[in-house]
PDB file of N, CA and C in Angstrom:
ATOM      1  N   MET A   1       0.849  -1.165   0.000  1.00  0.00           N
ATOM      2  CA  MET A   1       0.000   0.000   0.000  1.00  0.00           C
ATOM      3  C   MET A   1       0.899   1.235   0.000  1.00  0.00           C
ATOM      4  N   THR A   2       0.594   2.155  -0.882  1.00  0.00           N
ATOM      5  CA  THR A   2       1.387   3.382  -0.971  1.00  0.00           C
ATOM      6  C   THR A   2       0.824   4.445  -0.032  1.00  0.00           C
ATOM      7  N   VAL A   3       1.583   5.529   0.119  1.00  0.00           N
ATOM      8  CA  VAL A   3       1.142   6.641   0.953  1.00  0.00           C
ATOM      9  C   VAL A   3      -0.150   7.232   0.398  1.00  0.00           C
ATOM     10  N   ALA A   4      -0.264   7.331  -0.915  1.00  0.00           N
ATOM     11  CA  ALA A   4      -1.472   7.872  -1.539  1.00  0.00           C
ATOM     12  C   ALA A   4      -2.685   6.992  -1.236  1.00  0.00           C
ATOM     13  N   ASP A   5      -2.489   5.654  -1.255  1.00  0.00           N
ATOM     14  CA  ASP A   5      -3.592   4.746  -0.949  1.00  0.00           C
ATOM     15  C   ASP A   5      -4.055   4.921   0.492  1.00  0.00           C
ATOM     16  N   ARG A   6      -3.133   5.093   1.412  1.00  0.00           N
ATOM     17  CA  ARG A   6      -3.492   5.279   2.814  1.00  0.00           C
ATOM     18  C   ARG A   6      -4.207   6.607   3.028  1.00  0.00           C
ATOM     19  N   ALA A   7      -3.814   7.631   2.299  1.00  0.00           N
ATOM     20  CA  ALA A   7      -4.410   8.947   2.482  1.00  0.00           C
ATOM     21  C   ALA A   7      -5.875   8.960   2.041  1.00  0.00           C
ATOM     22  N   VAL A   8      -6.218   8.124   1.083  1.00  0.00           N
ATOM     23  CA  VAL A   8      -7.583   8.121   0.576  1.00  0.00           C
ATOM     24  C   VAL A   8      -8.539   7.443   1.541  1.00  0.00           C
ATOM     25  N   GLY A   9      -8.202   6.279   2.047  1.00  0.00           N
ATOM     26  CA  GLY A   9      -9.150   5.505   2.832  1.00  0.00           C
ATOM     27  C   GLY A   9      -8.922   5.492   4.322  1.00  0.00           C
ATOM     28  N   GLU A  10      -7.867   6.040   4.812  1.00  0.00           N
ATOM     29  CA  GLU A  10      -7.521   5.912   6.218  1.00  0.00           C
ATOM     30  C   GLU A  10      -7.603   7.256   6.929  1.00  0.00           C
ATOM     31  N   THR A  11      -8.175   7.242   8.099  1.00  0.00           N
ATOM     32  CA  THR A  11      -8.161   8.451   8.924  1.00  0.00           C
ATOM     33  C   THR A  11      -7.244   8.204  10.114  1.00  0.00           C
ATOM     34  N   ARG A  12      -6.612   9.248  10.553  1.00  0.00           N
ATOM     35  CA  ARG A  12      -5.696   9.125  11.680  1.00  0.00           C
ATOM     36  C   ARG A  12      -6.203   9.953  12.845  1.00  0.00           C
ATOM     37  N   ALA A  13      -5.992   9.423  14.009  1.00  0.00           N
ATOM     38  CA  ALA A  13      -6.343  10.168  15.214  1.00  0.00           C
ATOM     39  C   ALA A  13      -5.358  11.309  15.387  1.00  0.00           C
ATOM     40  N   GLY A  14      -5.833  12.375  15.910  1.00  0.00           N
ATOM     41  CA  GLY A  14      -4.977  13.531  16.138  1.00  0.00           C
ATOM     42  C   GLY A  14      -5.833  14.745  16.364  1.00  0.00           C
ATOM     43  N   ARG A  15      -5.207  15.886  16.334  1.00  0.00           N
ATOM     44  CA  ARG A  15      -5.982  17.106  16.526  1.00  0.00           C
ATOM     45  C   ARG A  15      -5.428  18.220  15.666  1.00  0.00           C
ATOM     46  N   THR A  16      -6.303  19.108  15.337  1.00  0.00           N
ATOM     47  CA  THR A  16      -5.932  20.293  14.597  1.00  0.00           C
ATOM     48  C   THR A  16      -6.136  21.476  15.523  1.00  0.00           C
ATOM     49  N   ARG A  17      -5.160  22.340  15.585  1.00  0.00           N
ATOM     50  CA  ARG A  17      -5.241  23.499  16.476  1.00  0.00           C
ATOM     51  C   ARG A  17      -5.491  24.739  15.639  1.00  0.00           C
ATOM     52  N   ILE A  18      -6.513  25.488  16.011  1.00  0.00           N
ATOM     53  CA  ILE A  18      -6.824  26.745  15.351  1.00  0.00           C
ATOM     54  C   ILE A  18      -6.414  27.865  16.300  1.00  0.00           C
ATOM     55  N   THR A  19      -5.576  28.765  15.829  1.00  0.00           N
ATOM     56  CA  THR A  19      -5.106  29.845  16.700  1.00  0.00           C
ATOM     57  C   THR A  19      -6.268  30.775  17.038  1.00  0.00           C
ATOM     58  N   PRO A  20      -6.202  31.429  18.188  1.00  0.00           N
ATOM     59  CA  PRO A  20      -7.280  32.361  18.568  1.00  0.00           C
ATOM     60  C   PRO A  20      -7.510  33.461  17.537  1.00  0.00           C
ATOM     61  N   ARG A  21      -6.442  33.971  16.950  1.00  0.00           N
ATOM     62  CA  ARG A  21      -6.586  35.030  15.942  1.00  0.00           C
ATOM     63  C   ARG A  21      -7.322  34.519  14.698  1.00  0.00           C
ATOM     64  N   ALA A  22      -6.973  33.316  14.257  1.00  0.00           N
ATOM     65  CA  ALA A  22      -7.639  32.730  13.094  1.00  0.00           C
ATOM     66  C   ALA A  22      -9.119  32.474  13.395  1.00  0.00           C
ATOM     67  N   LEU A  23      -9.404  32.016  14.592  1.00  0.00           N
ATOM     68  CA  LEU A  23     -10.782  31.759  14.994  1.00  0.00           C
ATOM     69  C   LEU A  23     -11.579  33.064  15.055  1.00  0.00           C
ATOM     70  N   ASP A  24     -10.984  34.121  15.591  1.00  0.00           N
ATOM     71  CA  ASP A  24     -11.636  35.437  15.623  1.00  0.00           C
ATOM     72  C   ASP A  24     -11.985  35.909  14.212  1.00  0.00           C
ATOM     73  N   ARG A  25     -11.030  35.790  13.321  1.00  0.00           N
ATOM     74  CA  ARG A  25     -11.248  36.253  11.940  1.00  0.00           C
ATOM     75  C   ARG A  25     -12.302  35.415  11.230  1.00  0.00           C
ATOM     76  N   LEU A  26     -12.279  34.117  11.455  1.00  0.00           N
ATOM     77  CA  LEU A  26     -13.263  33.241  10.848  1.00  0.00           C
ATOM     78  C   LEU A  26     -14.665  33.599  11.329  1.00  0.00           C
ATOM     79  N   VAL A  27     -14.839  33.755  12.638  1.00  0.00           N
ATOM     80  CA  VAL A  27     -16.156  34.073  13.195  1.00  0.00           C
ATOM     81  C   VAL A  27     -16.621  35.449  12.725  1.00  0.00           C
ATOM     82  N   SER A  28     -15.719  36.436  12.704  1.00  0.00           N
ATOM     83  CA  SER A  28     -16.127  37.776  12.264  1.00  0.00           C
ATOM     84  C   SER A  28     -16.505  37.779  10.783  1.00  0.00           C
ATOM     85  N   THR A  29     -15.838  36.982   9.974  1.00  0.00           N
ATOM     86  CA  THR A  29     -16.182  36.893   8.554  1.00  0.00           C
ATOM     87  C   THR A  29     -17.536  36.212   8.360  1.00  0.00           C
ATOM     88  N   VAL A  30     -17.773  35.130   9.072  1.00  0.00           N
ATOM     89  CA  VAL A  30     -19.061  34.437   8.978  1.00  0.00           C
ATOM     90  C   VAL A  30     -20.189  35.358   9.445  1.00  0.00           C
ATOM     91  N   ALA A  31     -19.973  36.075  10.543  1.00  0.00           N
ATOM     92  CA  ALA A  31     -20.992  36.992  11.062  1.00  0.00           C
ATOM     93  C   ALA A  31     -21.238  38.141  10.094  1.00  0.00           C
ATOM     94  N   ALA A  32     -20.182  38.690   9.529  1.00  0.00           N
ATOM     95  CA  ALA A  32     -20.325  39.793   8.577  1.00  0.00           C
ATOM     96  C   ALA A  32     -21.114  39.342   7.349  1.00  0.00           C
ATOM     97  N   GLU A  33     -20.856  38.145   6.862  1.00  0.00           N
ATOM     98  CA  GLU A  33     -21.620  37.618   5.730  1.00  0.00           C
ATOM     99  C   GLU A  33     -23.096  37.468   6.088  1.00  0.00           C
ATOM    100  N   ALA A  34     -23.376  37.031   7.296  1.00  0.00           N
ATOM    101  CA  ALA A  34     -24.761  36.832   7.724  1.00  0.00           C
ATOM    102  C   ALA A  34     -25.534  38.146   7.794  1.00  0.00           C
ATOM    103  N   PHE A  35     -24.833  39.240   8.083  1.00  0.00           N
ATOM    104  CA  PHE A  35     -25.490  40.541   8.212  1.00  0.00           C
ATOM    105  C   PHE A  35     -25.235  41.468   7.036  1.00  0.00           C
ATOM    106  N   GLY A  36     -24.457  41.026   6.061  1.00  0.00           N
ATOM    107  CA  GLY A  36     -24.162  41.867   4.911  1.00  0.00           C
ATOM    108  C   GLY A  36     -23.276  43.044   5.254  1.00  0.00           C
ATOM    109  N   SER A  37     -22.486  42.903   6.299  1.00  0.00           N
ATOM    110  CA  SER A  37     -21.611  43.997   6.719  1.00  0.00           C
ATOM    111  C   SER A  37     -20.156  43.668   6.398  1.00  0.00           C
ATOM    112  N   ASP A  38     -19.289  44.599   6.701  1.00  0.00           N
ATOM    113  CA  ASP A  38     -17.853  44.452   6.454  1.00  0.00           C
ATOM    114  C   ASP A  38     -17.213  43.735   7.647  1.00  0.00           C
ATOM    115  N   PRO A  39     -16.404  42.703   7.420  1.00  0.00           N
ATOM    116  CA  PRO A  39     -15.744  42.022   8.540  1.00  0.00           C
ATOM    117  C   PRO A  39     -14.895  42.959   9.399  1.00  0.00           C
ATOM    118  N   LYS A  40     -14.426  44.063   8.826  1.00  0.00           N
ATOM    119  CA  LYS A  40     -13.611  45.009   9.596  1.00  0.00           C
ATOM    120  C   LYS A  40     -14.443  45.748  10.642  1.00  0.00           C
ATOM    121  N   THR A  41     -15.748  45.840  10.438  1.00  0.00           N
ATOM    122  CA  THR A  41     -16.617  46.523  11.395  1.00  0.00           C
ATOM    123  C   THR A  41     -17.303  45.545  12.342  1.00  0.00           C
ATOM    124  N   THR A  42     -16.957  44.290  12.245  1.00  0.00           N
ATOM    125  CA  THR A  42     -17.541  43.247  13.082  1.00  0.00           C
ATOM    126  C   THR A  42     -16.515  42.789  14.105  1.00  0.00           C
ATOM    127  N   SER A  43     -16.889  42.840  15.378  1.00  0.00           N
ATOM    128  CA  SER A  43     -15.965  42.362  16.409  1.00  0.00           C
ATOM    129  C   SER A  43     -16.564  41.136  17.091  1.00  0.00           C
ATOM    130  N   VAL A  44     -15.669  40.312  17.601  1.00  0.00           N
ATOM    131  CA  VAL A  44     -16.066  39.033  18.185  1.00  0.00           C
ATOM    132  C   VAL A  44     -15.348  38.842  19.509  1.00  0.00           C
ATOM    133  N   GLU A  45     -16.063  38.321  20.471  1.00  0.00           N
ATOM    134  CA  GLU A  45     -15.449  37.904  21.738  1.00  0.00           C
ATOM    135  C   GLU A  45     -15.799  36.440  21.935  1.00  0.00           C
ATOM    136  N   LEU A  46     -14.783  35.621  22.076  1.00  0.00           N
ATOM    137  CA  LEU A  46     -14.962  34.180  22.248  1.00  0.00           C
ATOM    138  C   LEU A  46     -14.631  33.801  23.687  1.00  0.00           C
ATOM    139  N   THR A  47     -15.490  33.015  24.297  1.00  0.00           N
ATOM    140  CA  THR A  47     -15.216  32.533  25.646  1.00  0.00           C
ATOM    141  C   THR A  47     -15.507  31.042  25.726  1.00  0.00           C
ATOM    142  N   ASP A  48     -14.874  30.402  26.692  1.00  0.00           N
ATOM    143  CA  ASP A  48     -15.062  28.978  26.930  1.00  0.00           C
ATOM    144  C   ASP A  48     -16.222  28.794  27.903  1.00  0.00           C
ATOM    145  N   ASP A  49     -17.162  27.939  27.532  1.00  0.00           N
ATOM    146  CA  ASP A  49     -18.322  27.649  28.371  1.00  0.00           C
ATOM    147  C   ASP A  49     -18.351  26.153  28.641  1.00  0.00           C
ATOM    148  N   GLY A  50     -17.489  25.702  29.534  1.00  0.00           N
ATOM    149  CA  GLY A  50     -17.441  24.287  29.872  1.00  0.00           C
ATOM    150  C   GLY A  50     -17.067  23.394  28.711  1.00  0.00           C
ATOM    151  N   GLY A  51     -16.117  23.845  27.891  1.00  0.00           N
ATOM    152  CA  GLY A  51     -15.672  23.065  26.747  1.00  0.00           C
ATOM    153  C   GLY A  51     -16.365  23.435  25.443  1.00  0.00           C
ATOM    154  N   GLN A  52     -17.354  24.283  25.512  1.00  0.00           N
ATOM    155  CA  GLN A  52     -18.022  24.776  24.312  1.00  0.00           C
ATOM    156  C   GLN A  52     -17.686  26.248  24.145  1.00  0.00           C
ATOM    157  N   LEU A  53     -17.842  26.746  22.925  1.00  0.00           N
ATOM    158  CA  LEU A  53     -17.569  28.155  22.647  1.00  0.00           C
ATOM    159  C   LEU A  53     -18.824  28.990  22.803  1.00  0.00           C
ATOM    160  N   THR A  54     -18.654  30.170  23.386  1.00  0.00           N
ATOM    161  CA  THR A  54     -19.698  31.178  23.412  1.00  0.00           C
ATOM    162  C   THR A  54     -19.223  32.318  22.535  1.00  0.00           C
ATOM    163  N   LEU A  55     -20.053  32.737  21.604  1.00  0.00           N
ATOM    164  CA  LEU A  55     -19.700  33.805  20.677  1.00  0.00           C
ATOM    165  C   LEU A  55     -20.499  35.055  21.027  1.00  0.00           C
ATOM    166  N   ALA A  56     -19.809  36.167  21.228  1.00  0.00           N
ATOM    167  CA  ALA A  56     -20.450  37.465  21.423  1.00  0.00           C
ATOM    168  C   ALA A  56     -20.032  38.328  20.232  1.00  0.00           C
ATOM    169  N   ILE A  57     -20.993  38.652  19.387  1.00  0.00           N
ATOM    170  CA  ILE A  57     -20.717  39.343  18.126  1.00  0.00           C
ATOM    171  C   ILE A  57     -21.312  40.739  18.179  1.00  0.00           C
ATOM    172  N   THR A  58     -20.514  41.725  17.776  1.00  0.00           N
ATOM    173  CA  THR A  58     -20.961  43.110  17.678  1.00  0.00           C
ATOM    174  C   THR A  58     -20.764  43.553  16.242  1.00  0.00           C
ATOM    175  N   THR A  59     -21.856  43.990  15.595  1.00  0.00           N
ATOM    176  CA  THR A  59     -21.782  44.319  14.178  1.00  0.00           C
ATOM    177  C   THR A  59     -22.916  45.256  13.766  1.00  0.00           C
ATOM    178  N   PRO A  60     -22.665  46.062  12.734  1.00  0.00           N
ATOM    179  CA  PRO A  60     -23.800  46.785  12.135  1.00  0.00           C
ATOM    180  C   PRO A  60     -24.542  45.845  11.179  1.00  0.00           C
ATOM    181  N   VAL A  61     -25.710  46.262  10.754  1.00  0.00           N
ATOM    182  CA  VAL A  61     -26.503  45.466   9.824  1.00  0.00           C
ATOM    183  C   VAL A  61     -26.891  46.347   8.636  1.00  0.00           C
ATOM    184  N   LYS A  62     -26.856  45.771   7.445  1.00  0.00           N
ATOM    185  CA  LYS A  62     -27.279  46.517   6.254  1.00  0.00           C
ATOM    186  C   LYS A  62     -28.796  46.469   6.154  1.00  0.00           C
ATOM    187  N   VAL A  63     -29.383  47.632   5.883  1.00  0.00           N
ATOM    188  CA  VAL A  63     -30.833  47.738   5.756  1.00  0.00           C
ATOM    189  C   VAL A  63     -31.180  48.607   4.549  1.00  0.00           C
ATOM    190  N   PRO A  64     -32.350  48.388   3.955  1.00  0.00           N
ATOM    191  CA  PRO A  64     -32.783  49.283   2.875  1.00  0.00           C
ATOM    192  C   PRO A  64     -33.233  50.616   3.466  1.00  0.00           C
ATOM    193  N   SER A  65     -33.236  51.641   2.650  1.00  0.00           N
ATOM    194  CA  SER A  65     -33.655  52.962   3.130  1.00  0.00           C
ATOM    195  C   SER A  65     -35.154  52.974   3.408  1.00  0.00           C
ATOM    196  N   LEU A  66     -35.564  53.859   4.305  1.00  0.00           N
ATOM    197  CA  LEU A  66     -36.983  53.967   4.629  1.00  0.00           C
ATOM    198  C   LEU A  66     -37.801  54.400   3.413  1.00  0.00           C
ATOM    199  N   ALA A  67     -37.202  55.210   2.552  1.00  0.00           N
ATOM    200  CA  ALA A  67     -37.900  55.638   1.338  1.00  0.00           C
ATOM    201  C   ALA A  67     -38.212  54.433   0.442  1.00  0.00           C
ATOM    202  N   ARG A  68     -37.264  53.510   0.317  1.00  0.00           N
ATOM    203  CA  ARG A  68     -37.507  52.307  -0.498  1.00  0.00           C
ATOM    204  C   ARG A  68     -38.555  51.413   0.136  1.00  0.00           C
ATOM    205  N   ILE A  69     -38.550  51.331   1.468  1.00  0.00           N
ATOM    206  CA  ILE A  69     -39.550  50.509   2.159  1.00  0.00           C
ATOM    207  C   ILE A  69     -40.943  51.110   1.959  1.00  0.00           C
ATOM    208  N   ALA A  70     -41.033  52.445   2.015  1.00  0.00           N
ATOM    209  CA  ALA A  70     -42.320  53.107   1.805  1.00  0.00           C
ATOM    210  C   ALA A  70     -42.835  52.879   0.386  1.00  0.00           C
ATOM    211  N   ASP A  71     -41.928  52.822  -0.581  1.00  0.00           N
ATOM    212  CA  ASP A  71     -42.317  52.614  -1.978  1.00  0.00           C
ATOM    213  C   ASP A  71     -42.680  51.161  -2.286  1.00  0.00           C
ATOM    214  N   ASP A  72     -42.093  50.224  -1.563  1.00  0.00           N
ATOM    215  CA  ASP A  72     -42.280  48.801  -1.861  1.00  0.00           C
ATOM    216  C   ASP A  72     -42.603  48.053  -0.572  1.00  0.00           C
ATOM    217  N   ALA A  73     -43.845  47.714  -0.377  1.00  0.00           N
ATOM    218  CA  ALA A  73     -44.296  47.073   0.863  1.00  0.00           C
ATOM    219  C   ALA A  73     -43.700  45.679   1.068  1.00  0.00           C
ATOM    220  N   HIS A  74     -43.270  45.035  -0.003  1.00  0.00           N
ATOM    221  CA  HIS A  74     -42.740  43.673   0.102  1.00  0.00           C
ATOM    222  C   HIS A  74     -41.220  43.636   0.251  1.00  0.00           C
ATOM    223  N   LEU A  75     -40.592  44.784   0.308  1.00  0.00           N
ATOM    224  CA  LEU A  75     -39.135  44.842   0.377  1.00  0.00           C
ATOM    225  C   LEU A  75     -38.589  44.206   1.649  1.00  0.00           C
ATOM    226  N   ILE A  76     -39.244  44.418   2.768  1.00  0.00           N
ATOM    227  CA  ILE A  76     -38.765  43.842   4.033  1.00  0.00           C
ATOM    228  C   ILE A  76     -38.730  42.319   3.944  1.00  0.00           C
ATOM    229  N   ALA A  77     -39.769  41.725   3.407  1.00  0.00           N
ATOM    230  CA  ALA A  77     -39.805  40.263   3.267  1.00  0.00           C
ATOM    231  C   ALA A  77     -38.716  39.766   2.326  1.00  0.00           C
ATOM    232  N   ARG A  78     -38.489  40.504   1.226  1.00  0.00           N
ATOM    233  CA  ARG A  78     -37.468  40.076   0.257  1.00  0.00           C
ATOM    234  C   ARG A  78     -36.047  40.227   0.785  1.00  0.00           C
ATOM    235  N   THR A  79     -35.827  41.114   1.761  1.00  0.00           N
ATOM    236  CA  THR A  79     -34.474  41.318   2.296  1.00  0.00           C
ATOM    237  C   THR A  79     -34.225  40.507   3.561  1.00  0.00           C
ATOM    238  N   GLY A  80     -35.108  39.558   3.866  1.00  0.00           N
ATOM    239  CA  GLY A  80     -34.858  38.670   4.997  1.00  0.00           C
ATOM    240  C   GLY A  80     -35.699  38.944   6.219  1.00  0.00           C
ATOM    241  N   GLY A  81     -36.630  39.875   6.128  1.00  0.00           N
ATOM    242  CA  GLY A  81     -37.507  40.167   7.255  1.00  0.00           C
ATOM    243  C   GLY A  81     -37.042  41.372   8.043  1.00  0.00           C
ATOM    244  N   THR A  82     -37.639  41.532   9.202  1.00  0.00           N
ATOM    245  CA  THR A  82     -37.277  42.649  10.072  1.00  0.00           C
ATOM    246  C   THR A  82     -35.865  42.452  10.600  1.00  0.00           C
ATOM    247  N   VAL A  83     -35.326  43.471  11.215  1.00  0.00           N
ATOM    248  CA  VAL A  83     -33.980  43.367  11.784  1.00  0.00           C
ATOM    249  C   VAL A  83     -33.943  42.263  12.841  1.00  0.00           C
ATOM    250  N   LEU A  84     -34.987  42.168  13.651  1.00  0.00           N
ATOM    251  CA  LEU A  84     -35.049  41.111  14.664  1.00  0.00           C
ATOM    252  C   LEU A  84     -35.100  39.725  14.023  1.00  0.00           C
ATOM    253  N   ASP A  85     -35.900  39.585  12.961  1.00  0.00           N
ATOM    254  CA  ASP A  85     -35.965  38.303  12.239  1.00  0.00           C
ATOM    255  C   ASP A  85     -34.601  37.932  11.670  1.00  0.00           C
ATOM    256  N   ARG A  86     -33.929  38.917  11.093  1.00  0.00           N
ATOM    257  CA  ARG A  86     -32.610  38.664  10.496  1.00  0.00           C
ATOM    258  C   ARG A  86     -31.580  38.298  11.557  1.00  0.00           C
ATOM    259  N   ALA A  87     -31.651  38.930  12.721  1.00  0.00           N
ATOM    260  CA  ALA A  87     -30.708  38.609  13.801  1.00  0.00           C
ATOM    261  C   ALA A  87     -30.934  37.191  14.307  1.00  0.00           C
ATOM    262  N   THR A  88     -32.189  36.798  14.447  1.00  0.00           N
ATOM    263  CA  THR A  88     -32.510  35.444  14.895  1.00  0.00           C
ATOM    264  C   THR A  88     -32.021  34.411  13.878  1.00  0.00           C
ATOM    265  N   SER A  89     -32.264  34.687  12.612  1.00  0.00           N
ATOM    266  CA  SER A  89     -31.792  33.794  11.545  1.00  0.00           C
ATOM    267  C   SER A  89     -30.269  33.739  11.514  1.00  0.00           C
ATOM    268  N   ALA A  90     -29.623  34.887  11.685  1.00  0.00           N
ATOM    269  CA  ALA A  90     -28.158  34.943  11.656  1.00  0.00           C
ATOM    270  C   ALA A  90     -27.544  34.143  12.803  1.00  0.00           C
ATOM    271  N   GLN A  91     -28.172  34.153  13.972  1.00  0.00           N
ATOM    272  CA  GLN A  91     -27.665  33.361  15.096  1.00  0.00           C
ATOM    273  C   GLN A  91     -27.552  31.892  14.707  1.00  0.00           C
ATOM    274  N   LYS A  92     -28.584  31.388  14.082  1.00  0.00           N
ATOM    275  CA  LYS A  92     -28.592  29.978  13.673  1.00  0.00           C
ATOM    276  C   LYS A  92     -27.534  29.713  12.603  1.00  0.00           C
ATOM    277  N   VAL A  93     -27.469  30.590  11.602  1.00  0.00           N
ATOM    278  CA  VAL A  93     -26.500  30.427  10.512  1.00  0.00           C
ATOM    279  C   VAL A  93     -25.074  30.476  11.053  1.00  0.00           C
ATOM    280  N   ILE A  94     -24.790  31.440  11.917  1.00  0.00           N
ATOM    281  CA  ILE A  94     -23.450  31.585  12.485  1.00  0.00           C
ATOM    282  C   ILE A  94     -23.094  30.358  13.304  1.00  0.00           C
ATOM    283  N   ASN A  95     -24.003  29.909  14.138  1.00  0.00           N
ATOM    284  CA  ASN A  95     -23.763  28.725  14.965  1.00  0.00           C
ATOM    285  C   ASN A  95     -23.422  27.522  14.094  1.00  0.00           C
ATOM    286  N   GLU A  96     -24.257  27.250  13.082  1.00  0.00           N
ATOM    287  CA  GLU A  96     -24.043  26.080  12.227  1.00  0.00           C
ATOM    288  C   GLU A  96     -22.768  26.198  11.400  1.00  0.00           C
ATOM    289  N   ARG A  97     -22.530  27.373  10.846  1.00  0.00           N
ATOM    290  CA  ARG A  97     -21.377  27.551   9.955  1.00  0.00           C
ATOM    291  C   ARG A  97     -20.060  27.486  10.709  1.00  0.00           C
ATOM    292  N   VAL A  98     -19.974  28.183  11.848  1.00  0.00           N
ATOM    293  CA  VAL A  98     -18.729  28.163  12.639  1.00  0.00           C
ATOM    294  C   VAL A  98     -18.475  26.757  13.159  1.00  0.00           C
ATOM    295  N   SER A  99     -19.505  26.080  13.600  1.00  0.00           N
ATOM    296  CA  SER A  99     -19.357  24.707  14.088  1.00  0.00           C
ATOM    297  C   SER A  99     -18.875  23.782  12.975  1.00  0.00           C
ATOM    298  N   ALA A 100     -19.447  23.937  11.778  1.00  0.00           N
ATOM    299  CA  ALA A 100     -19.044  23.086  10.649  1.00  0.00           C
ATOM    300  C   ALA A 100     -17.613  23.369  10.207  1.00  0.00           C
ATOM    301  N   LEU A 101     -17.211  24.637  10.199  1.00  0.00           N
ATOM    302  CA  LEU A 101     -15.868  24.993   9.732  1.00  0.00           C
ATOM    303  C   LEU A 101     -14.775  24.662  10.734  1.00  0.00           C
ATOM    304  N   THR A 102     -15.091  24.743  12.025  1.00  0.00           N
ATOM    305  CA  THR A 102     -14.058  24.561  13.044  1.00  0.00           C
ATOM    306  C   THR A 102     -14.124  23.223  13.767  1.00  0.00           C
ATOM    307  N   GLY A 103     -15.305  22.627  13.796  1.00  0.00           N
ATOM    308  CA  GLY A 103     -15.474  21.397  14.560  1.00  0.00           C
ATOM    309  C   GLY A 103     -15.775  21.658  16.026  1.00  0.00           C
ATOM    310  N   TYR A 104     -15.841  22.931  16.431  1.00  0.00           N
ATOM    311  CA  TYR A 104     -16.151  23.281  17.812  1.00  0.00           C
ATOM    312  C   TYR A 104     -17.646  23.236  18.046  1.00  0.00           C
ATOM    313  N   SER A 105     -18.016  22.899  19.262  1.00  0.00           N
ATOM    314  CA  SER A 105     -19.410  22.947  19.670  1.00  0.00           C
ATOM    315  C   SER A 105     -19.690  24.356  20.199  1.00  0.00           C
ATOM    316  N   ILE A 106     -20.753  24.977  19.723  1.00  0.00           N
ATOM    317  CA  ILE A 106     -21.098  26.342  20.102  1.00  0.00           C
ATOM    318  C   ILE A 106     -22.260  26.284  21.089  1.00  0.00           C
ATOM    319  N   SER A 107     -22.083  26.884  22.264  1.00  0.00           N
ATOM    320  CA  SER A 107     -23.161  26.859  23.253  1.00  0.00           C
ATOM    321  C   SER A 107     -24.124  28.021  23.087  1.00  0.00           C
ATOM    322  N   ARG A 108     -23.611  29.190  22.676  1.00  0.00           N
ATOM    323  CA  ARG A 108     -24.478  30.362  22.566  1.00  0.00           C
ATOM    324  C   ARG A 108     -23.874  31.367  21.597  1.00  0.00           C
ATOM    325  N   VAL A 109     -24.748  32.032  20.850  1.00  0.00           N
ATOM    326  CA  VAL A 109     -24.340  33.119  19.968  1.00  0.00           C
ATOM    327  C   VAL A 109     -25.139  34.347  20.386  1.00  0.00           C
ATOM    328  N   SER A 110     -24.444  35.342  20.931  1.00  0.00           N
ATOM    329  CA  SER A 110     -25.081  36.597  21.322  1.00  0.00           C
ATOM    330  C   SER A 110     -24.733  37.648  20.274  1.00  0.00           C
ATOM    331  N   ILE A 111     -25.733  38.403  19.874  1.00  0.00           N
ATOM    332  CA  ILE A 111     -25.518  39.401  18.833  1.00  0.00           C
ATOM    333  C   ILE A 111     -25.921  40.775  19.371  1.00  0.00           C
ATOM    334  N   ARG A 112     -25.037  41.740  19.156  1.00  0.00           N
ATOM    335  CA  ARG A 112     -25.317  43.130  19.499  1.00  0.00           C
ATOM    336  C   ARG A 112     -25.178  43.946  18.223  1.00  0.00           C
ATOM    337  N   LEU A 113     -26.285  44.509  17.781  1.00  0.00           N
ATOM    338  CA  LEU A 113     -26.270  45.314  16.565  1.00  0.00           C
ATOM    339  C   LEU A 113     -25.927  46.750  16.940  1.00  0.00           C
ATOM    340  N   THR A 114     -24.879  47.280  16.313  1.00  0.00           N
ATOM    341  CA  THR A 114     -24.367  48.598  16.678  1.00  0.00           C
ATOM    342  C   THR A 114     -24.857  49.716  15.778  1.00  0.00           C
ATOM    343  N   GLY A 115     -25.488  49.387  14.691  1.00  0.00           N
ATOM    344  CA  GLY A 115     -25.959  50.426  13.789  1.00  0.00           C
ATOM    345  C   GLY A 115     -26.580  49.820  12.556  1.00  0.00           C
ATOM    346  N   ALA A 116     -27.139  50.707  11.743  1.00  0.00           N
ATOM    347  CA  ALA A 116     -27.751  50.291  10.490  1.00  0.00           C
ATOM    348  C   ALA A 116     -27.037  50.999   9.353  1.00  0.00           C
ATOM    349  N   ASP A 117     -26.441  50.223   8.474  1.00  0.00           N
ATOM    350  CA  ASP A 117     -25.825  50.770   7.267  1.00  0.00           C
ATOM    351  C   ASP A 117     -26.879  50.713   6.167  1.00  0.00           C
ATOM    352  N   VAL A 118     -27.291  51.885   5.709  1.00  0.00           N
ATOM    353  CA  VAL A 118     -28.329  51.955   4.690  1.00  0.00           C
ATOM    354  C   VAL A 118     -27.732  51.563   3.344  1.00  0.00           C
ATOM    355  N   ILE A 119     -28.403  50.638   2.684  1.00  0.00           N
ATOM    356  CA  ILE A 119     -27.958  50.191   1.355  1.00  0.00           C
ATOM    357  C   ILE A 119     -28.190  51.328   0.384  1.00  0.00           C
ATOM    358  N   GLN A 120     -27.136  51.741  -0.271  1.00  0.00           N
ATOM    359  CA  GLN A 120     -27.229  52.848  -1.223  1.00  0.00           C
ATOM    360  C   GLN A 120     -27.920  52.408  -2.502  1.00  0.00           C
ATOM    361  N   GLU A 121     -28.746  53.290  -3.013  1.00  0.00           N
ATOM    362  CA  GLU A 121     -29.449  53.037  -4.263  1.00  0.00           C
ATOM    363  C   GLU A 121     -28.469  53.077  -5.415  1.00  0.00           C
ATOM    364  N   ARG A 122     -28.662  52.215  -6.365  1.00  0.00           N
ATOM    365  CA  ARG A 122     -27.852  52.243  -7.578  1.00  0.00           C
ATOM    366  C   ARG A 122     -28.708  52.754  -8.707  1.00  0.00           C
ATOM    367  N   ARG A 123     -28.160  53.659  -9.453  1.00  0.00           N
ATOM    368  CA  ARG A 123     -28.912  54.196 -10.585  1.00  0.00           C
ATOM    369  C   ARG A 123     -28.786  53.271 -11.782  1.00  0.00           C
ATOM    370  N   VAL A 124     -29.893  53.105 -12.460  1.00  0.00           N
ATOM    371  CA  VAL A 124     -29.913  52.295 -13.662  1.00  0.00           C
ATOM    372  C   VAL A 124     -29.541  53.181 -14.833  1.00  0.00           C
ATOM    373  N   LYS A 125     -28.585  52.730 -15.641  1.00  0.00           N
ATOM    374  CA  LYS A 125     -28.144  53.534 -16.774  1.00  0.00           C
ATOM    375  C   LYS A 125     -28.797  53.053 -18.038  1.00  0.00           C
TER     376      LYS A 125
END
């Protein structure tokens, strides 16, 4: 059996270590994607909760302008619902995605929204 043959069908016991900085960046990127914000404006605090991770995320959220909402009654539904609905959905997405990418068990995801970034209108040419 060659090394290539063993690599295909065999798994080895061991562990992979993710540095705290890499974990912070991964969580902030996943959270920023969930809220449509910039990872640079998203901060994360990770704590140990009896062997599980607790995520405390602080981020702004992108929202449509009030003028667009007034013009289109269905816009809120098309953009993912109210801010509260989007935060609840994002908690689940962040929990599942970070857990899948890192292999860590997540006990809680707390979200603090720091502001609303209004989505700028694009002119049609």
